[in-house]
Amino acid sequence: GFFLSLWNLFAGFLIPRPQIPIWWRWYYWASPISWTLYGVVTSQVGDSNAHLLIPGAPTVSVKDFLKLYLGYDYDFLPVVVVAHLGWILLFLFIFSCSIRFLNFQNR
């Protein structure tokens, strides 16, 4: 529960990555939820050239908006895939070790 709450806090839901203070950005990259959010948003709308009308700002394409305001780059998508595979392998390793060495059955 604690790690999930902390990961959600730094995943970019509340504060986009460019607005997170520089001394906390390492935790953004250490959060599997931020990698998932990055991958989903970038793969679905990251290459769109449709224009957005933002009040008080010039017209900008969706691709440029994601890069400028949220820090999402479509060309970074292969790295996101590799990071997801790394998280899967890490959690698989932790699960395997836990099943192997943590036994709470008393006989």
Protein backbone atom coordinates (compact mmCIF):
# COMPACT_ATOMS: atom_id res chain seq x y z
CA GLY A 1 0.00 0.00 0.00
CA PHE A 2 2.74 2.46 0.93
CA PHE A 3 4.82 1.97 -2.21
CA LEU A 4 1.78 2.14 -4.47
CA SER A 5 0.71 5.44 -2.91
CA LEU A 6 4.21 6.86 -3.23
CA TRP A 7 4.56 5.64 -6.83
CA ASN A 8 1.20 7.24 -7.72
CA LEU A 9 2.31 10.50 -6.15
CA PHE A 10 5.42 10.71 -8.34
CA ALA A 11 3.99 9.09 -11.50
CA GLY A 12 2.98 12.34 -13.15
CA PHE A 13 -0.73 12.20 -12.36
CA LEU A 14 -0.72 15.25 -10.11
CA ILE A 15 2.46 17.01 -11.19
CA PRO A 16 3.98 16.53 -14.68
CA ARG A 17 7.64 15.50 -14.77
CA PRO A 18 8.99 18.90 -15.90
CA GLN A 19 7.35 20.52 -12.85
CA ILE A 20 8.66 17.99 -10.31
CA PRO A 21 11.59 19.50 -8.38
CA ILE A 22 14.91 18.31 -9.77
CA TRP A 23 15.91 16.57 -6.52
CA TRP A 24 12.75 14.35 -6.72
CA ARG A 25 12.91 13.42 -10.41
CA TRP A 26 14.96 10.32 -9.70
CA TYR A 27 11.91 8.90 -7.94
CA TYR A 28 9.80 9.60 -11.02
CA TRP A 29 12.08 7.32 -13.04
CA ALA A 30 12.11 4.73 -10.22
CA SER A 31 8.32 4.38 -10.34
CA PRO A 32 6.87 1.60 -12.51
CA ILE A 33 3.59 3.51 -12.71
CA SER A 34 5.30 6.49 -14.35
CA TRP A 35 6.80 4.19 -17.01
CA THR A 36 3.35 2.72 -17.64
CA LEU A 37 1.72 6.14 -17.91
CA TYR A 38 4.52 7.33 -20.20
CA GLY A 39 4.12 4.28 -22.44
CA VAL A 40 0.33 4.41 -22.69
CA VAL A 41 0.07 8.14 -23.41
CA THR A 42 3.00 8.19 -25.82
CA SER A 43 1.97 5.11 -27.77
CA GLN A 44 -1.64 6.23 -28.16
CA VAL A 45 -1.36 9.94 -28.96
CA GLY A 46 2.38 10.65 -29.07
CA ASP A 47 2.64 10.79 -32.86
CA SER A 48 -0.53 12.81 -33.46
CA ASN A 49 -0.14 16.04 -35.40
CA ALA A 50 -3.63 17.31 -34.57
CA HIS A 51 -3.66 20.87 -33.26
CA LEU A 52 -4.68 21.87 -29.74
CA LEU A 53 -6.17 25.22 -28.86
CA ILE A 54 -4.82 26.18 -25.45
CA PRO A 55 -6.22 29.40 -23.94
CA GLY A 56 -3.48 32.00 -23.61
CA ALA A 57 -0.99 30.02 -25.69
CA PRO A 58 -0.34 29.56 -29.40
CA THR A 59 -1.82 26.60 -31.26
CA VAL A 60 0.39 23.55 -30.79
CA SER A 61 0.27 19.96 -32.06
CA VAL A 62 -0.46 17.10 -29.69
CA LYS A 63 3.06 15.73 -30.21
CA ASP A 64 4.64 19.07 -29.30
CA PHE A 65 2.29 19.57 -26.34
CA LEU A 66 3.29 16.21 -24.88
CA LYS A 67 6.97 17.05 -25.30
CA LEU A 68 6.85 20.63 -24.02
CA TYR A 69 4.34 20.45 -21.17
CA LEU A 70 4.43 16.82 -20.02
CA GLY A 71 7.95 15.78 -21.05
CA TYR A 72 6.78 12.81 -23.16
CA ASP A 73 8.81 12.08 -26.30
CA TYR A 74 7.51 9.58 -28.87
CA ASP A 75 11.07 8.58 -29.84
CA PHE A 76 11.68 7.41 -26.25
CA LEU A 77 9.08 4.62 -26.61
CA PRO A 78 11.60 1.75 -27.21
CA VAL A 79 13.31 2.64 -23.92
CA VAL A 80 9.92 2.49 -22.19
CA VAL A 81 9.36 -1.02 -23.56
CA VAL A 82 12.75 -2.17 -22.26
CA ALA A 83 12.03 -0.57 -18.88
CA HIS A 84 8.71 -2.41 -18.68
CA LEU A 85 10.45 -5.70 -19.39
CA GLY A 86 12.99 -4.86 -16.68
CA TRP A 87 10.22 -4.16 -14.14
CA ILE A 88 8.48 -7.41 -15.07
CA LEU A 89 11.69 -9.40 -14.60
CA LEU A 90 12.45 -7.64 -11.31
CA PHE A 91 9.01 -8.36 -9.87
CA LEU A 92 9.17 -11.95 -11.18
CA PHE A 93 12.51 -12.43 -9.42
CA ILE A 94 11.19 -10.95 -6.16
CA PHE A 95 8.08 -13.14 -6.35
CA SER A 96 10.15 -16.27 -7.08
CA CYS A 97 12.52 -15.63 -4.18
CA SER A 98 9.61 -14.88 -1.87
CA ILE A 99 7.84 -18.13 -2.75
CA ARG A 100 11.06 -20.09 -2.38
CA PHE A 101 12.38 -18.69 0.90
CA LEU A 102 9.38 -17.28 2.78
CA ASN A 103 7.33 -20.11 4.20
CA PHE A 104 4.89 -19.30 6.97
CA GLN A 105 3.44 -22.78 7.39
CA ASN A 106 4.13 -24.16 10.84
CA ARG A 107 4.17 -27.92 11.37
